Amino acid sequence: MTKKLYYTSTKTSQWETKIRETIVENGFYYITLEETAFYPEGGGQPADTGKIKGITVLDVIKDNDGKILHKMERLPDSENVHCELDWSRRFDHM
């Protein structure tokens, strides 16, 4: 299960983590992370955006199994990744 930093460390805007799973579906790329501060859309709040290893996060989705899926432009080239929230967008929606 992914550690949800958006609940435990709400001011985290950058962190290092590892990719747990990659999924390619309908021409889109999704990854799950060991820990994430990217908030998925829900409760009237839009999903966070930002970058994972310099690649744009297009959307963040919580699937039916409770997995947090990060929809990406492409897959990162390694399992160790640096993540950055678009903090100004997050702040605007707080």
PDB file of N, CA and C in Angstrom:
ATOM      1  N   MET A   1       0.854  -1.190   0.000  1.00  0.00           N
ATOM      2  CA  MET A   1       0.000   0.000   0.000  1.00  0.00           C
ATOM      3  C   MET A   1       0.891   1.242   0.000  1.00  0.00           C
ATOM      4  N   THR A   2       0.513   2.208  -0.768  1.00  0.00           N
ATOM      5  CA  THR A   2       1.246   3.466  -0.869  1.00  0.00           C
ATOM      6  C   THR A   2       1.087   4.293   0.406  1.00  0.00           C
ATOM      7  N   LYS A   3       2.187   4.829   0.911  1.00  0.00           N
ATOM      8  CA  LYS A   3       2.134   5.757   2.039  1.00  0.00           C
ATOM      9  C   LYS A   3       1.647   7.098   1.498  1.00  0.00           C
ATOM     10  N   LYS A   4       0.577   7.628   2.074  1.00  0.00           N
ATOM     11  CA  LYS A   4      -0.059   8.855   1.591  1.00  0.00           C
ATOM     12  C   LYS A   4       0.456  10.063   2.377  1.00  0.00           C
ATOM     13  N   LEU A   5       1.483  10.703   1.839  1.00  0.00           N
ATOM     14  CA  LEU A   5       2.081  11.860   2.496  1.00  0.00           C
ATOM     15  C   LEU A   5       1.118  13.033   2.570  1.00  0.00           C
ATOM     16  N   TYR A   6       0.133  13.095   1.683  1.00  0.00           N
ATOM     17  CA  TYR A   6      -0.815  14.217   1.709  1.00  0.00           C
ATOM     18  C   TYR A   6      -1.671  14.180   2.971  1.00  0.00           C
ATOM     19  N   TYR A   7      -1.702  13.065   3.689  1.00  0.00           N
ATOM     20  CA  TYR A   7      -2.390  12.994   4.985  1.00  0.00           C
ATOM     21  C   TYR A   7      -1.436  13.219   6.152  1.00  0.00           C
ATOM     22  N   THR A   8      -0.213  12.731   6.045  1.00  0.00           N
ATOM     23  CA  THR A   8       0.710  12.751   7.183  1.00  0.00           C
ATOM     24  C   THR A   8       1.707  13.902   7.162  1.00  0.00           C
ATOM     25  N   SER A   9       1.945  14.474   5.997  1.00  0.00           N
ATOM     26  CA  SER A   9       2.940  15.544   5.852  1.00  0.00           C
ATOM     27  C   SER A   9       2.446  16.530   4.791  1.00  0.00           C
ATOM     28  N   THR A  10       1.452  17.313   5.146  1.00  0.00           N
ATOM     29  CA  THR A  10       0.718  18.136   4.178  1.00  0.00           C
ATOM     30  C   THR A  10       1.549  19.217   3.491  1.00  0.00           C
ATOM     31  N   LYS A  11       2.695  19.569   4.039  1.00  0.00           N
ATOM     32  CA  LYS A  11       3.520  20.614   3.428  1.00  0.00           C
ATOM     33  C   LYS A  11       4.643  20.063   2.555  1.00  0.00           C
ATOM     34  N   THR A  12       4.687  18.746   2.396  1.00  0.00           N
ATOM     35  CA  THR A  12       5.702  18.134   1.535  1.00  0.00           C
ATOM     36  C   THR A  12       5.450  18.524   0.091  1.00  0.00           C
ATOM     37  N   SER A  13       6.469  19.088  -0.544  1.00  0.00           N
ATOM     38  CA  SER A  13       6.333  19.458  -1.952  1.00  0.00           C
ATOM     39  C   SER A  13       7.359  18.741  -2.830  1.00  0.00           C
ATOM     40  N   GLN A  14       8.403  18.169  -2.220  1.00  0.00           N
ATOM     41  CA  GLN A  14       9.414  17.403  -2.952  1.00  0.00           C
ATOM     42  C   GLN A  14       9.834  16.224  -2.084  1.00  0.00           C
ATOM     43  N   TRP A  15      10.087  15.096  -2.709  1.00  0.00           N
ATOM     44  CA  TRP A  15      10.518  13.907  -1.984  1.00  0.00           C
ATOM     45  C   TRP A  15      11.117  12.899  -2.954  1.00  0.00           C
ATOM     46  N   GLU A  16      11.837  11.949  -2.375  1.00  0.00           N
ATOM     47  CA  GLU A  16      12.431  10.848  -3.127  1.00  0.00           C
ATOM     48  C   GLU A  16      11.670   9.576  -2.771  1.00  0.00           C
ATOM     49  N   THR A  17      11.429   8.732  -3.770  1.00  0.00           N
ATOM     50  CA  THR A  17      10.732   7.479  -3.521  1.00  0.00           C
ATOM     51  C   THR A  17      11.063   6.480  -4.627  1.00  0.00           C
ATOM     52  N   LYS A  18      10.381   5.352  -4.585  1.00  0.00           N
ATOM     53  CA  LYS A  18      10.572   4.318  -5.601  1.00  0.00           C
ATOM     54  C   LYS A  18       9.244   3.992  -6.277  1.00  0.00           C
ATOM     55  N   ILE A  19       9.334   3.626  -7.540  1.00  0.00           N
ATOM     56  CA  ILE A  19       8.157   3.161  -8.274  1.00  0.00           C
ATOM     57  C   ILE A  19       7.864   1.733  -7.837  1.00  0.00           C
ATOM     58  N   ARG A  20       6.616   1.457  -7.536  1.00  0.00           N
ATOM     59  CA  ARG A  20       6.182   0.111  -7.163  1.00  0.00           C
ATOM     60  C   ARG A  20       5.676  -0.663  -8.372  1.00  0.00           C
ATOM     61  N   GLU A  21       4.939   0.009  -9.246  1.00  0.00           N
ATOM     62  CA  GLU A  21       4.273  -0.672 -10.354  1.00  0.00           C
ATOM     63  C   GLU A  21       4.141   0.283 -11.532  1.00  0.00           C
ATOM     64  N   THR A  22       4.237  -0.241 -12.728  1.00  0.00           N
ATOM     65  CA  THR A  22       3.962   0.540 -13.940  1.00  0.00           C
ATOM     66  C   THR A  22       2.847  -0.165 -14.710  1.00  0.00           C
ATOM     67  N   ILE A  23       1.985   0.640 -15.305  1.00  0.00           N
ATOM     68  CA  ILE A  23       0.839   0.126 -16.051  1.00  0.00           C
ATOM     69  C   ILE A  23       0.745   0.920 -17.346  1.00  0.00           C
ATOM     70  N   VAL A  24       0.581   0.220 -18.466  1.00  0.00           N
ATOM     71  CA  VAL A  24       0.323   0.864 -19.745  1.00  0.00           C
ATOM     72  C   VAL A  24      -1.070   0.420 -20.168  1.00  0.00           C
ATOM     73  N   GLU A  25      -1.970   1.409 -20.360  1.00  0.00           N
ATOM     74  CA  GLU A  25      -3.351   1.090 -20.681  1.00  0.00           C
ATOM     75  C   GLU A  25      -3.923   2.140 -21.628  1.00  0.00           C
ATOM     76  N   ASN A  26      -4.455   1.696 -22.749  1.00  0.00           N
ATOM     77  CA  ASN A  26      -5.083   2.583 -23.737  1.00  0.00           C
ATOM     78  C   ASN A  26      -4.166   3.729 -24.149  1.00  0.00           C
ATOM     79  N   GLY A  27      -2.880   3.456 -24.296  1.00  0.00           N
ATOM     80  CA  GLY A  27      -1.928   4.468 -24.732  1.00  0.00           C
ATOM     81  C   GLY A  27      -1.485   5.427 -23.643  1.00  0.00           C
ATOM     82  N   PHE A  28      -1.894   5.195 -22.408  1.00  0.00           N
ATOM     83  CA  PHE A  28      -1.488   6.037 -21.291  1.00  0.00           C
ATOM     84  C   PHE A  28      -0.595   5.247 -20.346  1.00  0.00           C
ATOM     85  N   TYR A  29       0.229   5.971 -19.587  1.00  0.00           N
ATOM     86  CA  TYR A  29       1.177   5.371 -18.654  1.00  0.00           C
ATOM     87  C   TYR A  29       0.777   5.757 -17.237  1.00  0.00           C
ATOM     88  N   TYR A  30       0.776   4.775 -16.362  1.00  0.00           N
ATOM     89  CA  TYR A  30       0.427   4.991 -14.960  1.00  0.00           C
ATOM     90  C   TYR A  30       1.500   4.341 -14.091  1.00  0.00           C
ATOM     91  N   ILE A  31       1.813   4.990 -12.969  1.00  0.00           N
ATOM     92  CA  ILE A  31       2.728   4.386 -12.012  1.00  0.00           C
ATOM     93  C   ILE A  31       2.137   4.496 -10.612  1.00  0.00           C
ATOM     94  N   THR A  32       2.523   3.554  -9.763  1.00  0.00           N
ATOM     95  CA  THR A  32       2.242   3.668  -8.338  1.00  0.00           C
ATOM     96  C   THR A  32       3.591   3.835  -7.646  1.00  0.00           C
ATOM     97  N   LEU A  33       3.576   4.556  -6.532  1.00  0.00           N
ATOM     98  CA  LEU A  33       4.797   4.888  -5.798  1.00  0.00           C
ATOM     99  C   LEU A  33       4.753   4.292  -4.398  1.00  0.00           C
ATOM    100  N   GLU A  34       5.927   4.097  -3.791  1.00  0.00           N
ATOM    101  CA  GLU A  34       5.975   3.651  -2.399  1.00  0.00           C
ATOM    102  C   GLU A  34       5.343   4.686  -1.469  1.00  0.00           C
ATOM    103  N   GLU A  35       5.559   5.978  -1.786  1.00  0.00           N
ATOM    104  CA  GLU A  35       4.922   7.057  -1.030  1.00  0.00           C
ATOM    105  C   GLU A  35       4.628   8.202  -1.981  1.00  0.00           C
ATOM    106  N   THR A  36       3.521   8.900  -1.713  1.00  0.00           N
ATOM    107  CA  THR A  36       3.142  10.006  -2.585  1.00  0.00           C
ATOM    108  C   THR A  36       2.519  11.151  -1.806  1.00  0.00           C
ATOM    109  N   ALA A  37       2.807  12.361  -2.258  1.00  0.00           N
ATOM    110  CA  ALA A  37       2.139  13.559  -1.739  1.00  0.00           C
ATOM    111  C   ALA A  37       1.164  14.097  -2.784  1.00  0.00           C
ATOM    112  N   PHE A  38       1.115  13.456  -3.963  1.00  0.00           N
ATOM    113  CA  PHE A  38       0.156  13.851  -4.998  1.00  0.00           C
ATOM    114  C   PHE A  38      -1.241  13.429  -4.554  1.00  0.00           C
ATOM    115  N   TYR A  39      -2.112  14.409  -4.382  1.00  0.00           N
ATOM    116  CA  TYR A  39      -3.480  14.142  -3.934  1.00  0.00           C
ATOM    117  C   TYR A  39      -4.340  13.762  -5.139  1.00  0.00           C
ATOM    118  N   PRO A  40      -5.074  12.639  -5.054  1.00  0.00           N
ATOM    119  CA  PRO A  40      -5.970  12.282  -6.158  1.00  0.00           C
ATOM    120  C   PRO A  40      -7.244  13.115  -6.092  1.00  0.00           C
ATOM    121  N   GLU A  41      -7.885  13.299  -7.223  1.00  0.00           N
ATOM    122  CA  GLU A  41      -9.140  14.049  -7.253  1.00  0.00           C
ATOM    123  C   GLU A  41     -10.144  13.392  -6.322  1.00  0.00           C
ATOM    124  N   GLY A  42     -10.839  14.214  -5.554  1.00  0.00           N
ATOM    125  CA  GLY A  42     -11.855  13.684  -4.654  1.00  0.00           C
ATOM    126  C   GLY A  42     -12.299  14.710  -3.650  1.00  0.00           C
ATOM    127  N   GLY A  43     -13.519  14.564  -3.174  1.00  0.00           N
ATOM    128  CA  GLY A  43     -14.042  15.463  -2.154  1.00  0.00           C
ATOM    129  C   GLY A  43     -14.142  16.899  -2.624  1.00  0.00           C
ATOM    130  N   GLY A  44     -14.305  17.095  -3.929  1.00  0.00           N
ATOM    131  CA  GLY A  44     -14.413  18.437  -4.483  1.00  0.00           C
ATOM    132  C   GLY A  44     -13.084  19.097  -4.793  1.00  0.00           C
ATOM    133  N   GLN A  45     -11.980  18.451  -4.430  1.00  0.00           N
ATOM    134  CA  GLN A  45     -10.660  19.011  -4.720  1.00  0.00           C
ATOM    135  C   GLN A  45     -10.079  18.337  -5.958  1.00  0.00           C
ATOM    136  N   PRO A  46      -9.576  19.132  -6.907  1.00  0.00           N
ATOM    137  CA  PRO A  46      -8.956  18.531  -8.090  1.00  0.00           C
ATOM    138  C   PRO A  46      -7.631  17.864  -7.733  1.00  0.00           C
ATOM    139  N   ALA A  47      -7.205  16.950  -8.588  1.00  0.00           N
ATOM    140  CA  ALA A  47      -5.948  16.233  -8.380  1.00  0.00           C
ATOM    141  C   ALA A  47      -4.761  17.178  -8.493  1.00  0.00           C
ATOM    142  N   ASP A  48      -3.703  16.834  -7.746  1.00  0.00           N
ATOM    143  CA  ASP A  48      -2.441  17.562  -7.863  1.00  0.00           C
ATOM    144  C   ASP A  48      -1.780  17.251  -9.204  1.00  0.00           C
ATOM    145  N   THR A  49      -0.918  18.156  -9.618  1.00  0.00           N
ATOM    146  CA  THR A  49      -0.055  17.932 -10.771  1.00  0.00           C
ATOM    147  C   THR A  49       1.373  18.229 -10.323  1.00  0.00           C
ATOM    148  N   GLY A  50       2.302  17.987 -11.212  1.00  0.00           N
ATOM    149  CA  GLY A  50       3.704  18.231 -10.892  1.00  0.00           C
ATOM    150  C   GLY A  50       4.573  17.382 -11.791  1.00  0.00           C
ATOM    151  N   LYS A  51       5.716  16.933 -11.260  1.00  0.00           N
ATOM    152  CA  LYS A  51       6.651  16.142 -12.051  1.00  0.00           C
ATOM    153  C   LYS A  51       7.199  14.993 -11.217  1.00  0.00           C
ATOM    154  N   ILE A  52       7.432  13.892 -11.902  1.00  0.00           N
ATOM    155  CA  ILE A  52       8.125  12.743 -11.325  1.00  0.00           C
ATOM    156  C   ILE A  52       9.312  12.475 -12.232  1.00  0.00           C
ATOM    157  N   LYS A  53      10.511  12.646 -11.684  1.00  0.00           N
ATOM    158  CA  LYS A  53      11.767  12.521 -12.429  1.00  0.00           C
ATOM    159  C   LYS A  53      11.731  13.392 -13.696  1.00  0.00           C
ATOM    160  N   GLY A  54      11.181  14.598 -13.544  1.00  0.00           N
ATOM    161  CA  GLY A  54      11.136  15.565 -14.635  1.00  0.00           C
ATOM    162  C   GLY A  54      10.031  15.340 -15.642  1.00  0.00           C
ATOM    163  N   ILE A  55       9.222  14.311 -15.458  1.00  0.00           N
ATOM    164  CA  ILE A  55       8.133  13.985 -16.389  1.00  0.00           C
ATOM    165  C   ILE A  55       6.821  14.483 -15.796  1.00  0.00           C
ATOM    166  N   THR A  56       6.016  15.148 -16.613  1.00  0.00           N
ATOM    167  CA  THR A  56       4.769  15.737 -16.150  1.00  0.00           C
ATOM    168  C   THR A  56       3.770  14.684 -15.688  1.00  0.00           C
ATOM    169  N   VAL A  57       3.185  14.936 -14.511  1.00  0.00           N
ATOM    170  CA  VAL A  57       2.078  14.134 -13.996  1.00  0.00           C
ATOM    171  C   VAL A  57       0.798  14.778 -14.533  1.00  0.00           C
ATOM    172  N   LEU A  58       0.072  14.051 -15.366  1.00  0.00           N
ATOM    173  CA  LEU A  58      -1.125  14.580 -16.009  1.00  0.00           C
ATOM    174  C   LEU A  58      -2.357  14.516 -15.116  1.00  0.00           C
ATOM    175  N   ASP A  59      -2.427  13.496 -14.270  1.00  0.00           N
ATOM    176  CA  ASP A  59      -3.586  13.297 -13.406  1.00  0.00           C
ATOM    177  C   ASP A  59      -3.190  12.328 -12.296  1.00  0.00           C
ATOM    178  N   VAL A  60      -3.941  12.350 -11.214  1.00  0.00           N
ATOM    179  CA  VAL A  60      -3.739  11.412 -10.116  1.00  0.00           C
ATOM    180  C   VAL A  60      -5.112  10.840  -9.780  1.00  0.00           C
ATOM    181  N   ILE A  61      -5.192   9.511  -9.797  1.00  0.00           N
ATOM    182  CA  ILE A  61      -6.474   8.826  -9.676  1.00  0.00           C
ATOM    183  C   ILE A  61      -6.391   7.789  -8.571  1.00  0.00           C
ATOM    184  N   LYS A  62      -7.438   7.679  -7.777  1.00  0.00           N
ATOM    185  CA  LYS A  62      -7.558   6.588  -6.821  1.00  0.00           C
ATOM    186  C   LYS A  62      -8.472   5.559  -7.468  1.00  0.00           C
ATOM    187  N   ASP A  63      -7.944   4.348  -7.738  1.00  0.00           N
ATOM    188  CA  ASP A  63      -8.748   3.346  -8.428  1.00  0.00           C
ATOM    189  C   ASP A  63      -9.661   2.605  -7.446  1.00  0.00           C
ATOM    190  N   ASN A  64     -10.435   1.678  -7.961  1.00  0.00           N
ATOM    191  CA  ASN A  64     -11.413   0.944  -7.135  1.00  0.00           C
ATOM    192  C   ASN A  64     -10.766   0.101  -6.045  1.00  0.00           C
ATOM    193  N   ASP A  65      -9.502  -0.255  -6.217  1.00  0.00           N
ATOM    194  CA  ASP A  65      -8.789  -1.036  -5.214  1.00  0.00           C
ATOM    195  C   ASP A  65      -8.061  -0.143  -4.204  1.00  0.00           C
ATOM    196  N   GLY A  66      -8.190   1.183  -4.351  1.00  0.00           N
ATOM    197  CA  GLY A  66      -7.540   2.116  -3.445  1.00  0.00           C
ATOM    198  C   GLY A  66      -6.124   2.489  -3.841  1.00  0.00           C
ATOM    199  N   LYS A  67      -5.647   1.986  -4.990  1.00  0.00           N
ATOM    200  CA  LYS A  67      -4.312   2.353  -5.469  1.00  0.00           C
ATOM    201  C   LYS A  67      -4.316   3.793  -5.958  1.00  0.00           C
ATOM    202  N   ILE A  68      -3.216   4.500  -5.692  1.00  0.00           N
ATOM    203  CA  ILE A  68      -3.047   5.862  -6.195  1.00  0.00           C
ATOM    204  C   ILE A  68      -2.240   5.759  -7.485  1.00  0.00           C
ATOM    205  N   LEU A  69      -2.884   6.051  -8.611  1.00  0.00           N
ATOM    206  CA  LEU A  69      -2.267   5.966  -9.932  1.00  0.00           C
ATOM    207  C   LEU A  69      -1.870   7.353 -10.403  1.00  0.00           C
ATOM    208  N   HIS A  70      -0.622   7.490 -10.817  1.00  0.00           N
ATOM    209  CA  HIS A  70      -0.102   8.748 -11.354  1.00  0.00           C
ATOM    210  C   HIS A  70      -0.046   8.605 -12.863  1.00  0.00           C
ATOM    211  N   LYS A  71      -0.890   9.344 -13.566  1.00  0.00           N
ATOM    212  CA  LYS A  71      -0.941   9.287 -15.030  1.00  0.00           C
ATOM    213  C   LYS A  71       0.185  10.156 -15.587  1.00  0.00           C
ATOM    214  N   MET A  72       1.033   9.536 -16.393  1.00  0.00           N
ATOM    215  CA  MET A  72       2.257  10.183 -16.856  1.00  0.00           C
ATOM    216  C   MET A  72       2.277  10.344 -18.377  1.00  0.00           C
ATOM    217  N   GLU A  73       3.090  11.322 -18.840  1.00  0.00           N
ATOM    218  CA  GLU A  73       3.322  11.480 -20.279  1.00  0.00           C
ATOM    219  C   GLU A  73       4.092  10.291 -20.836  1.00  0.00           C
ATOM    220  N   ARG A  74       5.008   9.773 -20.033  1.00  0.00           N
ATOM    221  CA  ARG A  74       5.808   8.588 -20.369  1.00  0.00           C
ATOM    222  C   ARG A  74       6.326   8.014 -19.058  1.00  0.00           C
ATOM    223  N   LEU A  75       6.944   6.850 -19.134  1.00  0.00           N
ATOM    224  CA  LEU A  75       7.454   6.211 -17.918  1.00  0.00           C
ATOM    225  C   LEU A  75       8.860   6.692 -17.598  1.00  0.00           C
ATOM    226  N   PRO A  76       9.176   6.891 -16.319  1.00  0.00           N
ATOM    227  CA  PRO A  76      10.553   7.205 -15.920  1.00  0.00           C
ATOM    228  C   PRO A  76      11.483   6.037 -16.277  1.00  0.00           C
ATOM    229  N   ASP A  77      12.775   6.340 -16.431  1.00  0.00           N
ATOM    230  CA  ASP A  77      13.740   5.329 -16.855  1.00  0.00           C
ATOM    231  C   ASP A  77      14.411   4.587 -15.700  1.00  0.00           C
ATOM    232  N   SER A  78      13.992   4.844 -14.469  1.00  0.00           N
ATOM    233  CA  SER A  78      14.533   4.091 -13.336  1.00  0.00           C
ATOM    234  C   SER A  78      13.467   4.002 -12.245  1.00  0.00           C
ATOM    235  N   GLU A  79      13.696   3.098 -11.298  1.00  0.00           N
ATOM    236  CA  GLU A  79      12.709   2.905 -10.234  1.00  0.00           C
ATOM    237  C   GLU A  79      12.846   3.948  -9.125  1.00  0.00           C
ATOM    238  N   ASN A  80      14.023   4.550  -8.954  1.00  0.00           N
ATOM    239  CA  ASN A  80      14.230   5.622  -7.970  1.00  0.00           C
ATOM    240  C   ASN A  80      13.889   6.954  -8.624  1.00  0.00           C
ATOM    241  N   VAL A  81      12.979   7.705  -7.993  1.00  0.00           N
ATOM    242  CA  VAL A  81      12.503   8.935  -8.619  1.00  0.00           C
ATOM    243  C   VAL A  81      12.448  10.100  -7.624  1.00  0.00           C
ATOM    244  N   HIS A  82      12.636  11.298  -8.172  1.00  0.00           N
ATOM    245  CA  HIS A  82      12.448  12.548  -7.432  1.00  0.00           C
ATOM    246  C   HIS A  82      11.084  13.094  -7.858  1.00  0.00           C
ATOM    247  N   CYS A  83      10.259  13.461  -6.875  1.00  0.00           N
ATOM    248  CA  CYS A  83       8.908  13.952  -7.140  1.00  0.00           C
ATOM    249  C   CYS A  83       8.775  15.398  -6.691  1.00  0.00           C
ATOM    250  N   GLU A  84       8.040  16.180  -7.471  1.00  0.00           N
ATOM    251  CA  GLU A  84       7.786  17.586  -7.148  1.00  0.00           C
ATOM    252  C   GLU A  84       6.338  17.927  -7.427  1.00  0.00           C
ATOM    253  N   LEU A  85       5.652  18.440  -6.425  1.00  0.00           N
ATOM    254  CA  LEU A  85       4.294  18.942  -6.622  1.00  0.00           C
ATOM    255  C   LEU A  85       4.327  20.311  -7.285  1.00  0.00           C
ATOM    256  N   ASP A  86       3.310  20.614  -8.044  1.00  0.00           N
ATOM    257  CA  ASP A  86       3.078  21.987  -8.496  1.00  0.00           C
ATOM    258  C   ASP A  86       2.443  22.680  -7.289  1.00  0.00           C
ATOM    259  N   TRP A  87       3.303  23.261  -6.434  1.00  0.00           N
ATOM    260  CA  TRP A  87       2.841  23.793  -5.147  1.00  0.00           C
ATOM    261  C   TRP A  87       1.882  24.962  -5.312  1.00  0.00           C
ATOM    262  N   SER A  88       2.074  25.809  -6.300  1.00  0.00           N
ATOM    263  CA  SER A  88       1.161  26.953  -6.478  1.00  0.00           C
ATOM    264  C   SER A  88      -0.249  26.456  -6.809  1.00  0.00           C
ATOM    265  N   ARG A  89      -0.365  25.391  -7.597  1.00  0.00           N
ATOM    266  CA  ARG A  89      -1.691  24.813  -7.889  1.00  0.00           C
ATOM    267  C   ARG A  89      -2.294  24.230  -6.617  1.00  0.00           C
ATOM    268  N   ARG A  90      -1.509  23.485  -5.858  1.00  0.00           N
ATOM    269  CA  ARG A  90      -2.012  22.897  -4.598  1.00  0.00           C
ATOM    270  C   ARG A  90      -2.501  23.993  -3.663  1.00  0.00           C
ATOM    271  N   PHE A  91      -1.683  25.044  -3.505  1.00  0.00           N
ATOM    272  CA  PHE A  91      -2.031  26.144  -2.596  1.00  0.00           C
ATOM    273  C   PHE A  91      -3.322  26.829  -3.036  1.00  0.00           C
ATOM    274  N   ASP A  92      -3.503  27.012  -4.340  1.00  0.00           N
ATOM    275  CA  ASP A  92      -4.727  27.635  -4.858  1.00  0.00           C
ATOM    276  C   ASP A  92      -5.985  26.842  -4.495  1.00  0.00           C
ATOM    277  N   HIS A  93      -5.842  25.517  -4.345  1.00  0.00           N
ATOM    278  CA  HIS A  93      -7.001  24.667  -4.080  1.00  0.00           C
ATOM    279  C   HIS A  93      -7.166  24.316  -2.603  1.00  0.00           C
ATOM    280  N   MET A  94      -6.311  24.850  -1.762  1.00  0.00           N
ATOM    281  CA  MET A  94      -6.429  24.563  -0.317  1.00  0.00           C
ATOM    282  C   MET A  94      -7.489  25.438   0.307  1.00  0.00           C
TER     283      MET A  94
END
